[in-house]
Amino acid sequence: MIFQYTIIKLLFVGLVFCLSFHSHANDFSSRENFNKLLKGFYKNEIFKCNYINKSWSTGFEQYPYGMVANSGAFKNILVFSNRNIIGTLWPNIGEISLDRGVRKYQLWKKSKNDEYILLNSDYLEDLNSSDIDLKGELVAEYKTYFDDKSLKISIKPWITDFYSCDLIESSNFAKKKLIDIFVNQNDYVKKDFAYREKNPSLFNNKIELIPN
């Protein structure tokens, strides 16, 4: 009887250990709220959105007003979701720039229907960033619209780029690598700028009206 009790106790302890290990195995960040958000991104679907050579511009300085083609738009954007938050990630090397705020990702909070507003958040590594406040300040002049099939996103307040989206299949390994960009984006930013410096001819920012 004592032997059976000991075996049951050992099995119970082992089960608790396994569950505890599993719960921490997919931790991505030491920031509690940010980590919960990223865990949700990891569990949910990922969409790849491709630029369709169409943007809406309200006009700014020398740039025109109306439907335009934006050569400086991100070629594609990955969209993650967790409840009422979406994360937009630009994975291609070299596409970020100083005029885009030097970020590899943005977080957006749902406002109504398919509309999301930019959530103001720190974006440096854990040691130099405060935790995400999901009830915090929203930046009203930046909005995006997402409905699984399309994405309309304002990287700048005066221009909105249009994308066509498709669900992609990602392995757990690939998901973890992508989510690592959210956590350690500074490392990826350095690689982006190093690539831009070596390949300046690959990047331009022409915004031209689309003929009627």
C-alpha atoms as a PDB file:
ATOM      1  CA  MET A   1       0.000   0.000   0.000  1.00  0.00           C
ATOM      2  CA  ILE A   2       2.827   2.381   0.911  1.00  0.00           C
ATOM      3  CA  PHE A   3       4.572   1.467  -2.333  1.00  0.00           C
ATOM      4  CA  GLN A   4       1.467   2.291  -4.380  1.00  0.00           C
ATOM      5  CA  TYR A   5       1.066   5.628  -2.577  1.00  0.00           C
ATOM      6  CA  THR A   6       4.695   6.477  -3.284  1.00  0.00           C
ATOM      7  CA  ILE A   7       4.275   5.677  -6.995  1.00  0.00           C
ATOM      8  CA  ILE A   8       1.108   7.812  -7.214  1.00  0.00           C
ATOM      9  CA  LYS A   9       2.843  10.682  -5.416  1.00  0.00           C
ATOM     10  CA  LEU A  10       5.824  10.511  -7.765  1.00  0.00           C
ATOM     11  CA  LEU A  11       3.514  10.489 -10.792  1.00  0.00           C
ATOM     12  CA  PHE A  12       1.644  13.509  -9.439  1.00  0.00           C
ATOM     13  CA  VAL A  13       4.861  15.435  -8.796  1.00  0.00           C
ATOM     14  CA  GLY A  14       6.060  14.530 -12.269  1.00  0.00           C
ATOM     15  CA  LEU A  15       2.801  15.742 -13.826  1.00  0.00           C
ATOM     16  CA  VAL A  16       2.980  19.056 -11.950  1.00  0.00           C
ATOM     17  CA  PHE A  17       6.589  19.508 -13.060  1.00  0.00           C
ATOM     18  CA  CYS A  18       5.718  18.784 -16.701  1.00  0.00           C
ATOM     19  CA  LEU A  19       2.785  21.187 -16.666  1.00  0.00           C
ATOM     20  CA  SER A  20       4.920  23.862 -15.015  1.00  0.00           C
ATOM     21  CA  PHE A  21       7.738  23.314 -17.504  1.00  0.00           C
ATOM     22  CA  HIS A  22       5.323  23.484 -20.442  1.00  0.00           C
ATOM     23  CA  SER A  23       3.750  26.690 -19.196  1.00  0.00           C
ATOM     24  CA  HIS A  24       7.165  28.371 -19.148  1.00  0.00           C
ATOM     25  CA  ALA A  25       8.626  26.666 -22.206  1.00  0.00           C
ATOM     26  CA  ASN A  26       6.942  29.121 -24.552  1.00  0.00           C
ATOM     27  CA  ASP A  27       7.720  32.257 -22.577  1.00  0.00           C
ATOM     28  CA  PHE A  28       9.001  34.920 -24.941  1.00  0.00           C
ATOM     29  CA  SER A  29       9.462  38.012 -22.780  1.00  0.00           C
ATOM     30  CA  SER A  30      10.139  38.846 -19.137  1.00  0.00           C
ATOM     31  CA  ARG A  31       7.448  41.551 -19.363  1.00  0.00           C
ATOM     32  CA  GLU A  32       4.318  39.859 -18.051  1.00  0.00           C
ATOM     33  CA  ASN A  33       1.637  41.504 -20.189  1.00  0.00           C
ATOM     34  CA  PHE A  34       3.777  41.521 -23.307  1.00  0.00           C
ATOM     35  CA  ASN A  35       4.564  37.836 -22.776  1.00  0.00           C
ATOM     36  CA  LYS A  36       0.844  36.981 -22.513  1.00  0.00           C
ATOM     37  CA  LEU A  37       0.195  38.885 -25.729  1.00  0.00           C
ATOM     38  CA  LEU A  38       2.981  37.085 -27.569  1.00  0.00           C
ATOM     39  CA  LYS A  39       1.766  33.712 -26.307  1.00  0.00           C
ATOM     40  CA  GLY A  40      -1.590  34.539 -27.883  1.00  0.00           C
ATOM     41  CA  PHE A  41       0.152  35.470 -31.140  1.00  0.00           C
ATOM     42  CA  TYR A  42       1.964  32.128 -31.018  1.00  0.00           C
ATOM     43  CA  LYS A  43      -1.253  30.133 -30.563  1.00  0.00           C
ATOM     44  CA  ASN A  44      -3.318  31.934 -33.190  1.00  0.00           C
ATOM     45  CA  GLU A  45      -3.244  32.143 -36.980  1.00  0.00           C
ATOM     46  CA  ILE A  46      -0.785  34.278 -38.943  1.00  0.00           C
ATOM     47  CA  PHE A  47      -1.680  36.135 -42.123  1.00  0.00           C
ATOM     48  CA  LYS A  48       0.695  37.309 -44.821  1.00  0.00           C
ATOM     49  CA  CYS A  49      -0.431  40.501 -46.521  1.00  0.00           C
ATOM     50  CA  ASN A  50       1.087  41.612 -49.852  1.00  0.00           C
ATOM     51  CA  TYR A  51       1.081  45.207 -51.088  1.00  0.00           C
ATOM     52  CA  ILE A  52      -1.205  45.613 -54.126  1.00  0.00           C
ATOM     53  CA  ASN A  53       0.482  48.788 -55.456  1.00  0.00           C
ATOM     54  CA  LYS A  54      -2.288  51.001 -54.200  1.00  0.00           C
ATOM     55  CA  SER A  55      -2.362  53.568 -51.364  1.00  0.00           C
ATOM     56  CA  TRP A  56      -4.542  56.465 -50.337  1.00  0.00           C
ATOM     57  CA  SER A  57      -2.724  59.749 -49.725  1.00  0.00           C
ATOM     58  CA  THR A  58      -4.202  62.852 -48.121  1.00  0.00           C
ATOM     59  CA  GLY A  59      -1.282  64.838 -49.519  1.00  0.00           C
ATOM     60  CA  PHE A  60       1.836  65.958 -47.684  1.00  0.00           C
ATOM     61  CA  GLU A  61       4.459  68.506 -48.747  1.00  0.00           C
ATOM     62  CA  GLN A  62       5.448  67.488 -52.309  1.00  0.00           C
ATOM     63  CA  TYR A  63       3.421  64.275 -52.277  1.00  0.00           C
ATOM     64  CA  PRO A  64       0.080  64.199 -54.168  1.00  0.00           C
ATOM     65  CA  TYR A  65      -3.462  63.763 -52.892  1.00  0.00           C
ATOM     66  CA  GLY A  66      -5.510  60.776 -54.055  1.00  0.00           C
ATOM     67  CA  MET A  67      -4.956  57.133 -54.998  1.00  0.00           C
ATOM     68  CA  VAL A  68      -1.248  56.568 -55.406  1.00  0.00           C
ATOM     69  CA  ALA A  69       1.385  53.867 -55.879  1.00  0.00           C
ATOM     70  CA  ASN A  70       3.886  53.963 -53.000  1.00  0.00           C
ATOM     71  CA  SER A  71       7.210  52.386 -53.938  1.00  0.00           C
ATOM     72  CA  GLY A  72       8.331  52.792 -50.332  1.00  0.00           C
ATOM     73  CA  ALA A  73       5.513  50.650 -48.917  1.00  0.00           C
ATOM     74  CA  PHE A  74       6.444  47.423 -47.165  1.00  0.00           C
ATOM     75  CA  LYS A  75       6.319  44.642 -49.763  1.00  0.00           C
ATOM     76  CA  ASN A  76       4.519  42.387 -47.300  1.00  0.00           C
ATOM     77  CA  ILE A  77       3.365  42.483 -43.688  1.00  0.00           C
ATOM     78  CA  LEU A  78       2.620  39.635 -41.290  1.00  0.00           C
ATOM     79  CA  VAL A  79      -0.453  40.021 -39.081  1.00  0.00           C
ATOM     80  CA  PHE A  80      -0.775  38.282 -35.699  1.00  0.00           C
ATOM     81  CA  SER A  81      -3.826  38.438 -33.443  1.00  0.00           C
ATOM     82  CA  ASN A  82      -4.768  37.913 -29.813  1.00  0.00           C
ATOM     83  CA  ARG A  83      -8.301  38.854 -28.756  1.00  0.00           C
ATOM     84  CA  ASN A  84      -8.761  42.563 -29.553  1.00  0.00           C
ATOM     85  CA  ILE A  85      -5.101  43.223 -30.399  1.00  0.00           C
ATOM     86  CA  ILE A  86      -3.295  42.674 -33.675  1.00  0.00           C
ATOM     87  CA  GLY A  87       0.424  42.895 -34.255  1.00  0.00           C
ATOM     88  CA  THR A  88       1.787  43.903 -37.652  1.00  0.00           C
ATOM     89  CA  LEU A  89       5.316  42.726 -38.367  1.00  0.00           C
ATOM     90  CA  TRP A  90       7.518  43.701 -41.315  1.00  0.00           C
ATOM     91  CA  PRO A  91       9.899  40.758 -41.691  1.00  0.00           C
ATOM     92  CA  ASN A  92      11.854  41.710 -44.833  1.00  0.00           C
ATOM     93  CA  ILE A  93      15.406  42.864 -44.215  1.00  0.00           C
ATOM     94  CA  GLY A  94      16.216  46.483 -45.007  1.00  0.00           C
ATOM     95  CA  GLU A  95      12.674  47.815 -45.370  1.00  0.00           C
ATOM     96  CA  ILE A  96      12.533  49.831 -42.163  1.00  0.00           C
ATOM     97  CA  SER A  97      13.881  53.386 -42.234  1.00  0.00           C
ATOM     98  CA  LEU A  98      14.235  56.473 -40.077  1.00  0.00           C
ATOM     99  CA  ASP A  99      11.024  58.051 -41.395  1.00  0.00           C
ATOM    100  CA  ARG A 100       9.059  54.972 -40.296  1.00  0.00           C
ATOM    101  CA  GLY A 101      10.073  55.240 -36.663  1.00  0.00           C
ATOM    102  CA  VAL A 102      12.709  52.474 -36.775  1.00  0.00           C
ATOM    103  CA  ARG A 103      10.369  49.705 -35.699  1.00  0.00           C
ATOM    104  CA  LYS A 104       9.938  46.188 -37.019  1.00  0.00           C
ATOM    105  CA  TYR A 105       6.403  45.932 -35.618  1.00  0.00           C
ATOM    106  CA  GLN A 106       3.358  47.831 -34.370  1.00  0.00           C
ATOM    107  CA  LEU A 107       0.558  46.871 -31.977  1.00  0.00           C
ATOM    108  CA  TRP A 108      -3.026  47.909 -32.698  1.00  0.00           C
ATOM    109  CA  LYS A 109      -6.141  47.789 -30.506  1.00  0.00           C
ATOM    110  CA  LYS A 110      -9.589  47.141 -31.946  1.00  0.00           C
ATOM    111  CA  SER A 111     -11.831  50.174 -32.028  1.00  0.00           C
ATOM    112  CA  LYS A 112     -14.911  49.044 -33.967  1.00  0.00           C
ATOM    113  CA  ASN A 113     -15.712  46.441 -36.600  1.00  0.00           C
ATOM    114  CA  ASP A 114     -12.455  45.966 -38.564  1.00  0.00           C
ATOM    115  CA  GLU A 115     -10.823  49.197 -37.379  1.00  0.00           C
ATOM    116  CA  TYR A 116      -7.772  49.203 -35.107  1.00  0.00           C
ATOM    117  CA  ILE A 117      -5.907  52.147 -33.583  1.00  0.00           C
ATOM    118  CA  LEU A 118      -2.190  52.202 -32.823  1.00  0.00           C
ATOM    119  CA  LEU A 119      -1.359  51.273 -29.228  1.00  0.00           C
ATOM    120  CA  ASN A 120       1.433  53.432 -27.842  1.00  0.00           C
ATOM    121  CA  SER A 121       4.112  51.098 -26.483  1.00  0.00           C
ATOM    122  CA  ASP A 122       7.818  50.731 -25.812  1.00  0.00           C
ATOM    123  CA  TYR A 123       9.668  48.649 -28.346  1.00  0.00           C
ATOM    124  CA  LEU A 124      13.231  48.206 -27.068  1.00  0.00           C
ATOM    125  CA  GLU A 125      14.472  45.022 -25.422  1.00  0.00           C
ATOM    126  CA  ASP A 126      12.986  43.921 -22.079  1.00  0.00           C
ATOM    127  CA  LEU A 127      15.644  45.612 -19.943  1.00  0.00           C
ATOM    128  CA  ASN A 128      14.926  49.025 -21.488  1.00  0.00           C
ATOM    129  CA  SER A 129      11.159  48.861 -21.988  1.00  0.00           C
ATOM    130  CA  SER A 130       8.161  49.096 -19.715  1.00  0.00           C
ATOM    131  CA  ASP A 131       5.484  46.431 -19.946  1.00  0.00           C
ATOM    132  CA  ILE A 132       2.638  46.723 -22.436  1.00  0.00           C
ATOM    133  CA  ASP A 133      -0.430  48.516 -21.096  1.00  0.00           C
ATOM    134  CA  LEU A 134      -3.352  47.138 -23.080  1.00  0.00           C
ATOM    135  CA  LYS A 135      -5.568  49.871 -21.641  1.00  0.00           C
ATOM    136  CA  GLY A 136      -3.010  52.554 -22.335  1.00  0.00           C
ATOM    137  CA  GLU A 137      -2.761  55.468 -24.722  1.00  0.00           C
ATOM    138  CA  LEU A 138      -3.914  55.092 -28.321  1.00  0.00           C
ATOM    139  CA  VAL A 139      -2.432  57.179 -31.140  1.00  0.00           C
ATOM    140  CA  ALA A 140      -5.586  58.256 -32.975  1.00  0.00           C
ATOM    141  CA  GLU A 141      -3.942  59.509 -36.192  1.00  0.00           C
ATOM    142  CA  TYR A 142      -2.620  56.021 -36.944  1.00  0.00           C
ATOM    143  CA  LYS A 143      -5.306  53.500 -37.940  1.00  0.00           C
ATOM    144  CA  THR A 144      -5.435  50.171 -39.676  1.00  0.00           C
ATOM    145  CA  TYR A 145      -8.254  48.004 -41.023  1.00  0.00           C
ATOM    146  CA  PHE A 146      -7.984  44.218 -41.080  1.00  0.00           C
ATOM    147  CA  ASP A 147     -10.523  41.511 -41.961  1.00  0.00           C
ATOM    148  CA  ASP A 148      -8.417  38.366 -42.715  1.00  0.00           C
ATOM    149  CA  LYS A 149      -8.585  39.039 -46.476  1.00  0.00           C
ATOM    150  CA  SER A 150      -7.312  42.601 -46.610  1.00  0.00           C
ATOM    151  CA  LEU A 151      -5.216  45.077 -44.650  1.00  0.00           C
ATOM    152  CA  LYS A 152      -5.243  48.854 -44.924  1.00  0.00           C
ATOM    153  CA  ILE A 153      -2.537  50.335 -42.738  1.00  0.00           C
ATOM    154  CA  SER A 154      -1.269  53.848 -42.060  1.00  0.00           C
ATOM    155  CA  ILE A 155       2.455  53.692 -41.407  1.00  0.00           C
ATOM    156  CA  LYS A 156       2.354  57.491 -41.620  1.00  0.00           C
ATOM    157  CA  PRO A 157      -0.658  59.630 -40.664  1.00  0.00           C
ATOM    158  CA  TRP A 158      -1.179  60.917 -44.222  1.00  0.00           C
ATOM    159  CA  ILE A 159      -0.914  57.715 -46.249  1.00  0.00           C
ATOM    160  CA  THR A 160      -2.676  54.335 -46.033  1.00  0.00           C
ATOM    161  CA  ASP A 161      -1.220  51.331 -47.883  1.00  0.00           C
ATOM    162  CA  PHE A 162      -3.499  48.548 -49.190  1.00  0.00           C
ATOM    163  CA  TYR A 163      -2.691  44.831 -48.914  1.00  0.00           C
ATOM    164  CA  SER A 164      -4.261  41.515 -49.885  1.00  0.00           C
ATOM    165  CA  CYS A 165      -3.997  38.855 -47.148  1.00  0.00           C
ATOM    166  CA  ASP A 166      -3.838  35.078 -46.988  1.00  0.00           C
ATOM    167  CA  LEU A 167      -3.567  32.660 -44.088  1.00  0.00           C
ATOM    168  CA  ILE A 168      -0.147  31.008 -43.932  1.00  0.00           C
ATOM    169  CA  GLU A 169       0.901  27.733 -42.385  1.00  0.00           C
ATOM    170  CA  SER A 170       3.815  28.095 -39.972  1.00  0.00           C
ATOM    171  CA  SER A 171       5.639  25.488 -37.928  1.00  0.00           C
ATOM    172  CA  ASN A 172       6.120  26.112 -34.221  1.00  0.00           C
ATOM    173  CA  PHE A 173       9.804  26.732 -34.930  1.00  0.00           C
ATOM    174  CA  ALA A 174       8.979  29.370 -37.567  1.00  0.00           C
ATOM    175  CA  LYS A 175       6.446  31.060 -35.258  1.00  0.00           C
ATOM    176  CA  LYS A 176       9.020  31.321 -32.476  1.00  0.00           C
ATOM    177  CA  LYS A 177      11.549  32.847 -34.862  1.00  0.00           C
ATOM    178  CA  LEU A 178       9.014  35.426 -36.020  1.00  0.00           C
ATOM    179  CA  ILE A 179       7.927  36.289 -32.475  1.00  0.00           C
ATOM    180  CA  ASP A 180      11.579  36.740 -31.570  1.00  0.00           C
ATOM    181  CA  ILE A 181      11.514  39.819 -33.829  1.00  0.00           C
ATOM    182  CA  PHE A 182       8.910  41.394 -31.506  1.00  0.00           C
ATOM    183  CA  VAL A 183      11.128  40.765 -28.484  1.00  0.00           C
ATOM    184  CA  ASN A 184      14.592  41.505 -29.866  1.00  0.00           C
ATOM    185  CA  GLN A 185      13.724  43.919 -32.623  1.00  0.00           C
ATOM    186  CA  ASN A 186      16.812  46.066 -31.924  1.00  0.00           C
ATOM    187  CA  ASP A 187      19.052  43.261 -33.178  1.00  0.00           C
ATOM    188  CA  TYR A 188      17.041  43.004 -36.375  1.00  0.00           C
ATOM    189  CA  VAL A 189      16.999  46.789 -36.848  1.00  0.00           C
ATOM    190  CA  LYS A 190      20.812  46.822 -36.833  1.00  0.00           C
ATOM    191  CA  LYS A 191      20.834  44.155 -39.543  1.00  0.00           C
ATOM    192  CA  ASP A 192      18.293  46.156 -41.557  1.00  0.00           C
ATOM    193  CA  PHE A 193      20.351  49.342 -41.548  1.00  0.00           C
ATOM    194  CA  ALA A 194      23.562  47.468 -42.310  1.00  0.00           C
ATOM    195  CA  TYR A 195      21.823  45.936 -45.330  1.00  0.00           C
ATOM    196  CA  ARG A 196      20.454  49.307 -46.490  1.00  0.00           C
ATOM    197  CA  GLU A 197      23.914  50.868 -46.304  1.00  0.00           C
ATOM    198  CA  LYS A 198      25.348  48.121 -48.508  1.00  0.00           C
ATOM    199  CA  ASN A 199      22.413  48.177 -50.960  1.00  0.00           C
ATOM    200  CA  PRO A 200      21.130  51.784 -51.203  1.00  0.00           C
ATOM    201  CA  SER A 201      19.914  51.373 -54.790  1.00  0.00           C
ATOM    202  CA  LEU A 202      17.324  48.797 -53.675  1.00  0.00           C
ATOM    203  CA  PHE A 203      15.342  51.331 -51.661  1.00  0.00           C
ATOM    204  CA  ASN A 204      13.477  54.428 -52.852  1.00  0.00           C
ATOM    205  CA  ASN A 205      10.335  56.278 -51.904  1.00  0.00           C
ATOM    206  CA  LYS A 206       8.426  57.409 -54.972  1.00  0.00           C
ATOM    207  CA  ILE A 207       4.764  58.214 -54.476  1.00  0.00           C
ATOM    208  CA  GLU A 208       2.931  58.728 -57.737  1.00  0.00           C
ATOM    209  CA  LEU A 209      -0.719  59.229 -58.634  1.00  0.00           C
ATOM    210  CA  ILE A 210      -2.434  56.230 -60.192  1.00  0.00           C
ATOM    211  CA  PRO A 211      -4.010  57.237 -63.542  1.00  0.00           C
ATOM    212  CA  ASN A 212      -7.816  57.154 -63.650  1.00  0.00           C
END
